[in-house]
Amino acid sequence: MIAYLNGKLTHKSPAMVHVEVMGVGYEVQISLNTYSRIQGLENCKLLTYLHIKEDAHTLYGFFDDAERNMFLLLIGVSGIGAGTARVMLSSLQPEDIQRAIAMENEKMLESIKGIGAKTAKRVILELKDKIRKHKETTPQLSVASNNTLQEDALNALVTLGIARNVAEQAIQRVLKAEPLLQDLEGLVKKALKSL
């Protein structure tokens, strides 16, 4: 298994890079998330996963542990291949996918190209417990709770005197209706209206 590559980026595109390590060039498939983080770099370290199939050996690269860990969780879901997992990580940040799974937000997952209602339900069903276990045992996969949009909105609503469980339900309703909402103020206002 190749754990990582540390070398010169000789070719970059949104879906693939060539990394030269000690005179050997490796073709590495990447997500848009990783591409956006390596754009200005000439040399970098990419964490990798070697996907072996009957007809191909494909190397996938990730800028950080959170993305690689989410990729590994996703390809463990029946019906989700490495290509689909890469598309998911190109559409949403690993922490957004994690939040969607934890909140059972099917709409957010369905917003990803190629993910239908059945697949979104399967991802949530198969990964919900694993995400919770990872949160308890692996801090780098979990989102820092104070930095998430959902947590910030929840803290704001609790500060306003709303019961925590009622506030959580209101936030979940809003995010299910508008999965791509990223505005804290808007989320708090809409959650208040939904009470």
N, C-alpha and C. Protein backbone atom coordinates (compact mmCIF):
# COMPACT_ATOMS: atom_id res chain seq x y z
N MET A 1 0.84 -1.19 0.00
CA MET A 1 0.00 0.00 0.00
C MET A 1 0.88 1.25 0.00
N ILE A 2 0.50 2.23 -0.78
CA ILE A 2 1.22 3.51 -0.82
C ILE A 2 0.47 4.46 0.10
N ALA A 3 1.07 4.86 1.21
CA ALA A 3 0.40 5.70 2.19
C ALA A 3 0.35 7.16 1.77
N TYR A 4 1.42 7.65 1.15
CA TYR A 4 1.43 9.03 0.67
C TYR A 4 2.54 9.21 -0.35
N LEU A 5 2.43 10.32 -1.10
CA LEU A 5 3.46 10.71 -2.04
C LEU A 5 3.90 12.12 -1.67
N ASN A 6 5.21 12.34 -1.62
CA ASN A 6 5.73 13.67 -1.32
C ASN A 6 6.69 14.03 -2.45
N GLY A 7 6.27 14.97 -3.30
CA GLY A 7 7.12 15.29 -4.43
C GLY A 7 6.65 16.50 -5.20
N LYS A 8 7.14 16.60 -6.42
CA LYS A 8 6.88 17.76 -7.28
C LYS A 8 5.63 17.50 -8.13
N LEU A 9 4.76 18.50 -8.19
CA LEU A 9 3.57 18.40 -9.03
C LEU A 9 3.96 18.82 -10.45
N THR A 10 4.06 17.86 -11.36
CA THR A 10 4.49 18.18 -12.73
C THR A 10 3.31 18.45 -13.65
N HIS A 11 2.12 18.03 -13.25
CA HIS A 11 0.90 18.29 -14.02
C HIS A 11 -0.26 18.39 -13.05
N LYS A 12 -1.12 19.41 -13.26
CA LYS A 12 -2.30 19.57 -12.40
C LYS A 12 -3.53 19.80 -13.25
N SER A 13 -4.60 19.09 -12.95
CA SER A 13 -5.91 19.35 -13.54
C SER A 13 -6.92 19.14 -12.41
N PRO A 14 -8.16 19.61 -12.59
CA PRO A 14 -9.14 19.47 -11.50
C PRO A 14 -9.43 18.02 -11.07
N ALA A 15 -9.13 17.05 -11.92
CA ALA A 15 -9.45 15.67 -11.59
C ALA A 15 -8.23 14.79 -11.35
N MET A 16 -7.03 15.26 -11.79
CA MET A 16 -5.86 14.39 -11.74
C MET A 16 -4.58 15.22 -11.68
N VAL A 17 -3.59 14.67 -10.98
CA VAL A 17 -2.27 15.30 -10.94
C VAL A 17 -1.20 14.25 -11.23
N HIS A 18 -0.04 14.73 -11.66
CA HIS A 18 1.14 13.87 -11.75
C HIS A 18 2.10 14.34 -10.67
N VAL A 19 2.54 13.41 -9.83
CA VAL A 19 3.48 13.73 -8.76
C VAL A 19 4.78 12.99 -9.06
N GLU A 20 5.88 13.76 -9.18
CA GLU A 20 7.17 13.15 -9.43
C GLU A 20 7.89 12.95 -8.10
N VAL A 21 8.22 11.69 -7.81
CA VAL A 21 8.92 11.34 -6.58
C VAL A 21 10.17 10.55 -6.98
N MET A 22 11.35 11.13 -6.73
CA MET A 22 12.62 10.46 -7.02
C MET A 22 12.69 9.98 -8.48
N GLY A 23 12.23 10.81 -9.41
CA GLY A 23 12.32 10.47 -10.82
C GLY A 23 11.19 9.61 -11.36
N VAL A 24 10.25 9.20 -10.51
CA VAL A 24 9.11 8.39 -10.95
C VAL A 24 7.86 9.25 -10.89
N GLY A 25 7.09 9.29 -11.98
CA GLY A 25 5.86 10.07 -12.02
C GLY A 25 4.64 9.21 -11.72
N TYR A 26 3.85 9.63 -10.73
CA TYR A 26 2.64 8.90 -10.35
C TYR A 26 1.43 9.69 -10.81
N GLU A 27 0.48 9.01 -11.46
CA GLU A 27 -0.78 9.64 -11.82
C GLU A 27 -1.74 9.42 -10.66
N VAL A 28 -2.27 10.52 -10.13
CA VAL A 28 -3.11 10.45 -8.93
C VAL A 28 -4.45 11.14 -9.21
N GLN A 29 -5.54 10.41 -8.99
CA GLN A 29 -6.88 10.97 -9.14
C GLN A 29 -7.20 11.78 -7.88
N ILE A 30 -7.74 12.99 -8.07
CA ILE A 30 -8.04 13.86 -6.93
C ILE A 30 -9.45 14.42 -7.04
N SER A 31 -9.94 14.98 -5.94
CA SER A 31 -11.23 15.68 -5.92
C SER A 31 -10.99 17.17 -6.17
N LEU A 32 -12.06 17.88 -6.45
CA LEU A 32 -11.96 19.34 -6.60
C LEU A 32 -11.52 19.99 -5.29
N ASN A 33 -11.91 19.38 -4.18
CA ASN A 33 -11.52 19.87 -2.87
C ASN A 33 -10.00 19.89 -2.73
N THR A 34 -9.35 18.77 -3.09
CA THR A 34 -7.89 18.69 -3.03
C THR A 34 -7.27 19.64 -4.06
N TYR A 35 -7.83 19.68 -5.26
CA TYR A 35 -7.30 20.55 -6.32
C TYR A 35 -7.27 22.01 -5.87
N SER A 36 -8.33 22.46 -5.22
CA SER A 36 -8.37 23.87 -4.78
C SER A 36 -7.29 24.17 -3.74
N ARG A 37 -6.87 23.15 -3.01
CA ARG A 37 -5.87 23.37 -1.95
C ARG A 37 -4.43 23.24 -2.44
N ILE A 38 -4.23 22.64 -3.62
CA ILE A 38 -2.86 22.48 -4.13
C ILE A 38 -2.56 23.38 -5.32
N GLN A 39 -3.53 24.18 -5.75
CA GLN A 39 -3.37 24.99 -6.95
C GLN A 39 -2.09 25.82 -6.96
N GLY A 40 -1.77 26.47 -5.85
CA GLY A 40 -0.60 27.34 -5.81
C GLY A 40 0.70 26.64 -5.44
N LEU A 41 0.66 25.33 -5.29
CA LEU A 41 1.85 24.60 -4.83
C LEU A 41 2.63 23.96 -5.97
N GLU A 42 3.94 23.95 -5.85
CA GLU A 42 4.79 23.22 -6.80
C GLU A 42 5.15 21.85 -6.26
N ASN A 43 5.35 21.77 -4.95
CA ASN A 43 5.64 20.51 -4.27
C ASN A 43 4.58 20.30 -3.21
N CYS A 44 4.20 19.06 -2.99
CA CYS A 44 3.24 18.80 -1.91
C CYS A 44 3.26 17.34 -1.51
N LYS A 45 2.64 17.07 -0.38
CA LYS A 45 2.47 15.71 0.12
C LYS A 45 0.99 15.37 -0.03
N LEU A 46 0.71 14.30 -0.76
CA LEU A 46 -0.67 13.83 -0.90
C LEU A 46 -0.82 12.48 -0.21
N LEU A 47 -1.79 12.38 0.67
CA LEU A 47 -2.14 11.09 1.26
C LEU A 47 -2.81 10.28 0.15
N THR A 48 -2.62 8.99 0.12
CA THR A 48 -3.13 8.22 -1.01
C THR A 48 -3.91 6.97 -0.58
N TYR A 49 -4.66 6.48 -1.55
CA TYR A 49 -5.35 5.19 -1.41
C TYR A 49 -5.22 4.50 -2.77
N LEU A 50 -4.70 3.29 -2.79
CA LEU A 50 -4.55 2.52 -4.01
C LEU A 50 -5.76 1.62 -4.18
N HIS A 51 -6.56 1.92 -5.20
CA HIS A 51 -7.78 1.16 -5.47
C HIS A 51 -7.47 0.12 -6.54
N ILE A 52 -7.58 -1.15 -6.17
CA ILE A 52 -7.22 -2.23 -7.09
C ILE A 52 -8.49 -2.93 -7.56
N LYS A 53 -8.65 -2.94 -8.89
CA LYS A 53 -9.73 -3.68 -9.53
C LYS A 53 -9.10 -4.67 -10.49
N GLU A 54 -9.91 -5.54 -11.06
CA GLU A 54 -9.42 -6.53 -11.99
C GLU A 54 -8.69 -5.90 -13.17
N ASP A 55 -9.24 -4.80 -13.68
CA ASP A 55 -8.71 -4.20 -14.90
C ASP A 55 -7.89 -2.92 -14.68
N ALA A 56 -7.73 -2.48 -13.44
CA ALA A 56 -6.99 -1.24 -13.21
C ALA A 56 -6.51 -1.09 -11.77
N HIS A 57 -5.38 -0.43 -11.62
CA HIS A 57 -4.89 0.00 -10.31
C HIS A 57 -4.91 1.52 -10.35
N THR A 58 -5.75 2.13 -9.52
CA THR A 58 -5.91 3.57 -9.55
C THR A 58 -5.49 4.16 -8.21
N LEU A 59 -4.67 5.19 -8.28
CA LEU A 59 -4.19 5.86 -7.07
C LEU A 59 -5.03 7.13 -6.86
N TYR A 60 -5.65 7.25 -5.68
CA TYR A 60 -6.43 8.43 -5.32
C TYR A 60 -5.63 9.23 -4.30
N GLY A 61 -5.64 10.56 -4.46
CA GLY A 61 -4.87 11.42 -3.57
C GLY A 61 -5.76 12.39 -2.80
N PHE A 62 -5.32 12.72 -1.59
CA PHE A 62 -6.10 13.59 -0.69
C PHE A 62 -5.17 14.55 0.01
N PHE A 63 -5.62 15.78 0.16
CA PHE A 63 -4.79 16.80 0.80
C PHE A 63 -4.66 16.56 2.31
N ASP A 64 -5.72 16.00 2.93
CA ASP A 64 -5.67 15.80 4.39
C ASP A 64 -6.36 14.51 4.81
N ASP A 65 -6.18 14.18 6.09
CA ASP A 65 -6.74 12.95 6.66
C ASP A 65 -8.26 12.93 6.62
N ALA A 66 -8.89 14.08 6.87
CA ALA A 66 -10.36 14.13 6.92
C ALA A 66 -10.95 13.67 5.60
N GLU A 67 -10.35 14.13 4.49
CA GLU A 67 -10.88 13.76 3.18
C GLU A 67 -10.62 12.27 2.89
N ARG A 68 -9.43 11.79 3.20
CA ARG A 68 -9.14 10.37 2.95
C ARG A 68 -10.03 9.48 3.81
N ASN A 69 -10.20 9.83 5.08
CA ASN A 69 -11.05 9.03 5.97
C ASN A 69 -12.49 8.98 5.46
N MET A 70 -13.00 10.13 4.99
CA MET A 70 -14.37 10.15 4.47
C MET A 70 -14.46 9.31 3.20
N PHE A 71 -13.45 9.38 2.34
CA PHE A 71 -13.41 8.57 1.12
C PHE A 71 -13.50 7.08 1.47
N LEU A 72 -12.70 6.65 2.46
CA LEU A 72 -12.69 5.25 2.86
C LEU A 72 -14.04 4.81 3.42
N LEU A 73 -14.69 5.70 4.18
CA LEU A 73 -16.02 5.38 4.69
C LEU A 73 -17.02 5.24 3.54
N LEU A 74 -16.95 6.18 2.59
CA LEU A 74 -17.91 6.17 1.48
C LEU A 74 -17.76 4.93 0.60
N ILE A 75 -16.53 4.53 0.30
CA ILE A 75 -16.38 3.36 -0.59
C ILE A 75 -16.75 2.06 0.13
N GLY A 76 -16.92 2.12 1.43
CA GLY A 76 -17.39 0.96 2.19
C GLY A 76 -18.89 0.77 2.10
N VAL A 77 -19.60 1.76 1.55
CA VAL A 77 -21.06 1.67 1.40
C VAL A 77 -21.36 0.90 0.12
N SER A 78 -22.26 -0.08 0.20
CA SER A 78 -22.59 -0.85 -1.01
C SER A 78 -23.20 0.08 -2.06
N GLY A 79 -22.70 -0.04 -3.28
CA GLY A 79 -23.20 0.80 -4.36
C GLY A 79 -22.42 2.08 -4.57
N ILE A 80 -21.49 2.40 -3.66
CA ILE A 80 -20.65 3.59 -3.81
C ILE A 80 -19.24 3.13 -4.19
N GLY A 81 -18.85 3.45 -5.40
CA GLY A 81 -17.50 3.11 -5.84
C GLY A 81 -16.56 4.27 -5.60
N ALA A 82 -15.30 4.06 -5.95
CA ALA A 82 -14.29 5.10 -5.75
C ALA A 82 -14.61 6.35 -6.56
N GLY A 83 -15.11 6.18 -7.78
CA GLY A 83 -15.45 7.33 -8.63
C GLY A 83 -16.57 8.17 -8.02
N THR A 84 -17.60 7.50 -7.52
CA THR A 84 -18.72 8.20 -6.89
C THR A 84 -18.26 8.91 -5.62
N ALA A 85 -17.43 8.25 -4.84
CA ALA A 85 -16.91 8.87 -3.61
C ALA A 85 -16.12 10.13 -3.95
N ARG A 86 -15.34 10.09 -5.04
CA ARG A 86 -14.57 11.27 -5.46
C ARG A 86 -15.51 12.40 -5.89
N VAL A 87 -16.58 12.07 -6.59
CA VAL A 87 -17.57 13.08 -7.00
C VAL A 87 -18.20 13.71 -5.76
N MET A 88 -18.52 12.89 -4.77
CA MET A 88 -19.12 13.41 -3.53
C MET A 88 -18.17 14.38 -2.84
N LEU A 89 -16.87 14.01 -2.80
CA LEU A 89 -15.89 14.88 -2.14
C LEU A 89 -15.54 16.10 -3.00
N SER A 90 -15.89 16.06 -4.28
CA SER A 90 -15.71 17.23 -5.13
C SER A 90 -16.87 18.20 -4.95
N SER A 91 -18.04 17.67 -4.58
CA SER A 91 -19.24 18.49 -4.43
C SER A 91 -19.35 19.12 -3.05
N LEU A 92 -18.96 18.37 -2.02
CA LEU A 92 -19.08 18.85 -0.63
C LEU A 92 -17.77 18.60 0.12
N GLN A 93 -17.51 19.43 1.11
CA GLN A 93 -16.35 19.23 1.99
C GLN A 93 -16.62 17.98 2.85
N PRO A 94 -15.56 17.28 3.28
CA PRO A 94 -15.76 16.09 4.12
C PRO A 94 -16.63 16.36 5.35
N GLU A 95 -16.42 17.52 5.98
CA GLU A 95 -17.21 17.83 7.17
C GLU A 95 -18.68 18.08 6.83
N ASP A 96 -18.99 18.57 5.61
CA ASP A 96 -20.38 18.76 5.19
C ASP A 96 -21.06 17.41 4.96
N ILE A 97 -20.33 16.47 4.37
CA ILE A 97 -20.88 15.12 4.16
C ILE A 97 -21.11 14.47 5.52
N GLN A 98 -20.16 14.64 6.42
CA GLN A 98 -20.29 14.07 7.76
C GLN A 98 -21.50 14.65 8.47
N ARG A 99 -21.68 15.96 8.36
CA ARG A 99 -22.82 16.62 9.01
C ARG A 99 -24.13 16.13 8.40
N ALA A 100 -24.17 16.00 7.07
CA ALA A 100 -25.39 15.52 6.40
C ALA A 100 -25.75 14.12 6.88
N ILE A 101 -24.75 13.27 7.04
CA ILE A 101 -25.00 11.90 7.50
C ILE A 101 -25.47 11.92 8.96
N ALA A 102 -24.78 12.67 9.80
CA ALA A 102 -25.14 12.73 11.22
C ALA A 102 -26.54 13.29 11.44
N MET A 103 -26.93 14.28 10.60
CA MET A 103 -28.25 14.92 10.74
C MET A 103 -29.32 14.21 9.90
N GLU A 104 -28.91 13.14 9.20
CA GLU A 104 -29.80 12.40 8.30
C GLU A 104 -30.43 13.34 7.28
N ASN A 105 -29.61 14.21 6.71
CA ASN A 105 -30.06 15.20 5.74
C ASN A 105 -29.91 14.63 4.33
N GLU A 106 -30.94 13.88 3.91
CA GLU A 106 -30.90 13.23 2.60
C GLU A 106 -30.81 14.25 1.46
N LYS A 107 -31.51 15.37 1.60
CA LYS A 107 -31.55 16.39 0.54
C LYS A 107 -30.15 16.91 0.23
N MET A 108 -29.35 17.10 1.25
CA MET A 108 -27.99 17.60 1.04
C MET A 108 -27.18 16.59 0.22
N LEU A 109 -27.32 15.31 0.54
CA LEU A 109 -26.61 14.27 -0.22
C LEU A 109 -27.17 14.15 -1.63
N GLU A 110 -28.48 14.32 -1.78
CA GLU A 110 -29.11 14.23 -3.10
C GLU A 110 -28.70 15.39 -4.00
N SER A 111 -28.20 16.47 -3.40
CA SER A 111 -27.76 17.61 -4.21
C SER A 111 -26.49 17.29 -5.00
N ILE A 112 -25.84 16.18 -4.66
CA ILE A 112 -24.62 15.75 -5.35
C ILE A 112 -25.01 15.01 -6.63
N LYS A 113 -24.36 15.36 -7.73
CA LYS A 113 -24.64 14.73 -9.02
C LYS A 113 -24.44 13.22 -8.93
N GLY A 114 -25.45 12.47 -9.35
CA GLY A 114 -25.35 11.01 -9.35
C GLY A 114 -25.84 10.33 -8.08
N ILE A 115 -26.22 11.12 -7.08
CA ILE A 115 -26.72 10.54 -5.83
C ILE A 115 -28.23 10.74 -5.78
N GLY A 116 -28.95 9.64 -5.85
CA GLY A 116 -30.41 9.70 -5.77
C GLY A 116 -30.89 9.44 -4.35
N ALA A 117 -32.21 9.41 -4.21
CA ALA A 117 -32.82 9.24 -2.88
C ALA A 117 -32.41 7.91 -2.24
N LYS A 118 -32.41 6.82 -3.02
CA LYS A 118 -32.06 5.50 -2.46
C LYS A 118 -30.61 5.47 -1.99
N THR A 119 -29.72 6.03 -2.80
CA THR A 119 -28.30 6.03 -2.44
C THR A 119 -28.07 6.89 -1.20
N ALA A 120 -28.71 8.06 -1.15
CA ALA A 120 -28.57 8.95 0.00
C ALA A 120 -29.02 8.24 1.28
N LYS A 121 -30.16 7.54 1.21
CA LYS A 121 -30.66 6.81 2.37
C LYS A 121 -29.68 5.71 2.79
N ARG A 122 -29.12 5.01 1.80
CA ARG A 122 -28.18 3.93 2.09
C ARG A 122 -26.92 4.47 2.76
N VAL A 123 -26.41 5.59 2.25
CA VAL A 123 -25.21 6.21 2.84
C VAL A 123 -25.47 6.55 4.30
N ILE A 124 -26.62 7.18 4.56
CA ILE A 124 -26.96 7.57 5.94
C ILE A 124 -27.12 6.33 6.82
N LEU A 125 -27.85 5.35 6.32
CA LEU A 125 -28.10 4.13 7.10
C LEU A 125 -26.80 3.41 7.45
N GLU A 126 -25.90 3.27 6.46
CA GLU A 126 -24.68 2.49 6.68
C GLU A 126 -23.58 3.25 7.42
N LEU A 127 -23.61 4.60 7.36
CA LEU A 127 -22.49 5.36 7.95
C LEU A 127 -22.82 6.12 9.22
N LYS A 128 -24.10 6.24 9.55
CA LYS A 128 -24.48 7.04 10.72
C LYS A 128 -23.76 6.60 11.99
N ASP A 129 -23.79 5.31 12.27
CA ASP A 129 -23.15 4.80 13.49
C ASP A 129 -21.62 4.91 13.41
N LYS A 130 -21.05 4.67 12.21
CA LYS A 130 -19.60 4.78 12.05
C LYS A 130 -19.14 6.22 12.27
N ILE A 131 -19.92 7.17 11.78
CA ILE A 131 -19.57 8.59 11.96
C ILE A 131 -19.56 8.92 13.45
N ARG A 132 -20.56 8.44 14.17
CA ARG A 132 -20.63 8.70 15.62
C ARG A 132 -19.44 8.09 16.34
N LYS A 133 -19.07 6.85 15.97
CA LYS A 133 -17.92 6.20 16.59
C LYS A 133 -16.63 6.95 16.28
N HIS A 134 -16.48 7.39 15.03
CA HIS A 134 -15.29 8.15 14.65
C HIS A 134 -15.21 9.47 15.40
N LYS A 135 -16.36 10.09 15.64
CA LYS A 135 -16.38 11.36 16.39
C LYS A 135 -15.82 11.15 17.79
N GLU A 136 -16.17 10.00 18.36
CA GLU A 136 -15.70 9.71 19.72
C GLU A 136 -14.23 9.33 19.76
N THR A 137 -13.76 8.60 18.72
CA THR A 137 -12.40 8.07 18.78
C THR A 137 -11.38 8.80 17.93
N THR A 138 -11.83 9.50 16.87
CA THR A 138 -10.90 10.15 15.95
C THR A 138 -11.24 11.62 15.77
N PRO A 139 -10.68 12.49 16.58
CA PRO A 139 -11.02 13.90 16.49
C PRO A 139 -10.77 14.53 15.13
N GLN A 140 -9.76 14.05 14.36
CA GLN A 140 -9.47 14.72 13.09
C GLN A 140 -10.57 14.51 12.06
N LEU A 141 -11.37 13.43 12.17
CA LEU A 141 -12.46 13.25 11.23
C LEU A 141 -13.65 14.09 11.63
N SER A 142 -13.86 14.23 12.92
CA SER A 142 -15.02 15.00 13.36
C SER A 142 -14.79 16.48 13.14
N VAL A 143 -15.89 17.15 12.92
CA VAL A 143 -15.83 18.60 12.75
C VAL A 143 -15.67 19.21 14.13
N ALA A 144 -14.82 20.19 14.26
CA ALA A 144 -14.70 20.88 15.54
C ALA A 144 -16.05 21.50 15.85
N SER A 145 -16.70 21.05 16.92
CA SER A 145 -18.10 21.38 17.15
C SER A 145 -18.36 22.88 17.19
N ASN A 146 -17.44 23.67 17.69
CA ASN A 146 -17.67 25.11 17.77
C ASN A 146 -17.58 25.80 16.42
N ASN A 147 -17.04 25.12 15.42
CA ASN A 147 -16.83 25.76 14.12
C ASN A 147 -17.90 25.41 13.10
N THR A 148 -18.86 24.59 13.43
CA THR A 148 -19.86 24.22 12.42
C THR A 148 -21.01 25.20 12.43
N LEU A 149 -21.57 25.36 11.26
CA LEU A 149 -22.73 26.24 11.09
C LEU A 149 -23.87 25.78 12.00
N GLN A 150 -24.09 24.47 12.03
CA GLN A 150 -25.18 23.93 12.84
C GLN A 150 -24.98 24.22 14.33
N GLU A 151 -23.76 24.00 14.82
CA GLU A 151 -23.48 24.24 16.25
C GLU A 151 -23.61 25.72 16.60
N ASP A 152 -23.10 26.58 15.71
CA ASP A 152 -23.21 28.02 15.96
C ASP A 152 -24.67 28.45 16.03
N ALA A 153 -25.48 27.93 15.10
CA ALA A 153 -26.90 28.26 15.08
C ALA A 153 -27.58 27.72 16.34
N LEU A 154 -27.22 26.51 16.73
CA LEU A 154 -27.80 25.90 17.93
C LEU A 154 -27.46 26.73 19.17
N ASN A 155 -26.19 27.14 19.29
CA ASN A 155 -25.79 27.98 20.43
C ASN A 155 -26.55 29.30 20.45
N ALA A 156 -26.76 29.87 19.28
CA ALA A 156 -27.50 31.14 19.21
C ALA A 156 -28.94 30.96 19.67
N LEU A 157 -29.58 29.89 19.23
CA LEU A 157 -30.98 29.65 19.60
C LEU A 157 -31.11 29.33 21.09
N VAL A 158 -30.18 28.56 21.62
CA VAL A 158 -30.21 28.25 23.06
C VAL A 158 -30.01 29.52 23.88
N THR A 159 -29.12 30.39 23.40
CA THR A 159 -28.89 31.68 24.08
C THR A 159 -30.16 32.52 24.08
N LEU A 160 -30.96 32.37 23.03
CA LEU A 160 -32.22 33.12 22.94
C LEU A 160 -33.33 32.51 23.82
N GLY A 161 -33.01 31.42 24.52
CA GLY A 161 -33.96 30.83 25.46
C GLY A 161 -34.76 29.66 24.91
N ILE A 162 -34.40 29.16 23.75
CA ILE A 162 -35.13 28.04 23.16
C ILE A 162 -34.49 26.74 23.67
N ALA A 163 -35.34 25.78 24.01
CA ALA A 163 -34.85 24.49 24.51
C ALA A 163 -33.96 23.84 23.46
N ARG A 164 -32.89 23.21 23.92
CA ARG A 164 -31.89 22.63 23.01
C ARG A 164 -32.50 21.64 22.01
N ASN A 165 -33.33 20.71 22.49
CA ASN A 165 -33.91 19.72 21.57
C ASN A 165 -34.85 20.36 20.56
N VAL A 166 -35.60 21.37 20.96
CA VAL A 166 -36.50 22.09 20.05
C VAL A 166 -35.67 22.84 19.00
N ALA A 167 -34.59 23.47 19.45
CA ALA A 167 -33.70 24.21 18.54
C ALA A 167 -33.05 23.27 17.53
N GLU A 168 -32.61 22.10 17.99
CA GLU A 168 -31.99 21.11 17.08
C GLU A 168 -32.97 20.68 16.00
N GLN A 169 -34.22 20.43 16.40
CA GLN A 169 -35.24 20.01 15.42
C GLN A 169 -35.51 21.12 14.42
N ALA A 170 -35.57 22.36 14.89
CA ALA A 170 -35.83 23.50 13.99
C ALA A 170 -34.70 23.66 12.98
N ILE A 171 -33.45 23.54 13.44
CA ILE A 171 -32.29 23.66 12.55
C ILE A 171 -32.31 22.52 11.53
N GLN A 172 -32.62 21.33 11.99
CA GLN A 172 -32.66 20.18 11.09
C GLN A 172 -33.73 20.38 10.01
N ARG A 173 -34.90 20.91 10.38
CA ARG A 173 -35.96 21.16 9.40
C ARG A 173 -35.49 22.14 8.33
N VAL A 174 -34.84 23.22 8.77
CA VAL A 174 -34.37 24.24 7.82
C VAL A 174 -33.31 23.66 6.89
N LEU A 175 -32.34 22.91 7.45
CA LEU A 175 -31.26 22.36 6.62
C LEU A 175 -31.76 21.25 5.68
N LYS A 176 -32.83 20.56 6.07
CA LYS A 176 -33.41 19.57 5.15
C LYS A 176 -34.08 20.28 3.98
N ALA A 177 -34.74 21.41 4.27
CA ALA A 177 -35.42 22.17 3.22
C ALA A 177 -34.41 22.90 2.33
N GLU A 178 -33.33 23.39 2.94
CA GLU A 178 -32.31 24.15 2.20
C GLU A 178 -30.92 23.60 2.53
N PRO A 179 -30.55 22.47 1.92
CA PRO A 179 -29.29 21.80 2.28
C PRO A 179 -28.02 22.61 2.00
N LEU A 180 -28.08 23.55 1.09
CA LEU A 180 -26.87 24.31 0.74
C LEU A 180 -26.76 25.63 1.50
N LEU A 181 -27.66 25.86 2.44
CA LEU A 181 -27.64 27.10 3.22
C LEU A 181 -26.36 27.18 4.05
N GLN A 182 -25.59 28.25 3.88
CA GLN A 182 -24.32 28.40 4.61
C GLN A 182 -24.27 29.69 5.43
N ASP A 183 -25.38 30.41 5.49
CA ASP A 183 -25.44 31.70 6.17
C ASP A 183 -25.97 31.50 7.59
N LEU A 184 -25.14 31.79 8.60
CA LEU A 184 -25.53 31.58 9.99
C LEU A 184 -26.76 32.41 10.36
N GLU A 185 -26.73 33.67 10.04
CA GLU A 185 -27.85 34.56 10.38
C GLU A 185 -29.14 34.08 9.73
N GLY A 186 -29.04 33.70 8.45
CA GLY A 186 -30.22 33.19 7.73
C GLY A 186 -30.75 31.92 8.36
N LEU A 187 -29.83 31.02 8.76
CA LEU A 187 -30.24 29.76 9.38
C LEU A 187 -30.95 30.01 10.70
N VAL A 188 -30.42 30.92 11.52
CA VAL A 188 -31.04 31.22 12.81
C VAL A 188 -32.43 31.82 12.61
N LYS A 189 -32.55 32.79 11.68
CA LYS A 189 -33.86 33.41 11.42
C LYS A 189 -34.88 32.41 10.92
N LYS A 190 -34.47 31.55 9.99
CA LYS A 190 -35.40 30.56 9.43
C LYS A 190 -35.78 29.52 10.49
N ALA A 191 -34.82 29.16 11.34
CA ALA A 191 -35.14 28.21 12.42
C ALA A 191 -36.14 28.83 13.40
N LEU A 192 -35.97 30.11 13.70
CA LEU A 192 -36.92 30.80 14.59
C LEU A 192 -38.32 30.83 13.98
N LYS A 193 -38.39 31.09 12.67
CA LYS A 193 -39.69 31.12 11.98
C LYS A 193 -40.36 29.76 11.98
N SER A 194 -39.56 28.70 11.95
CA SER A 194 -40.14 27.35 11.87
C SER A 194 -40.63 26.83 13.22
N LEU A 195 -40.37 27.56 14.29
CA LEU A 195 -40.79 27.12 15.63
C LEU A 195 -42.31 27.27 15.81
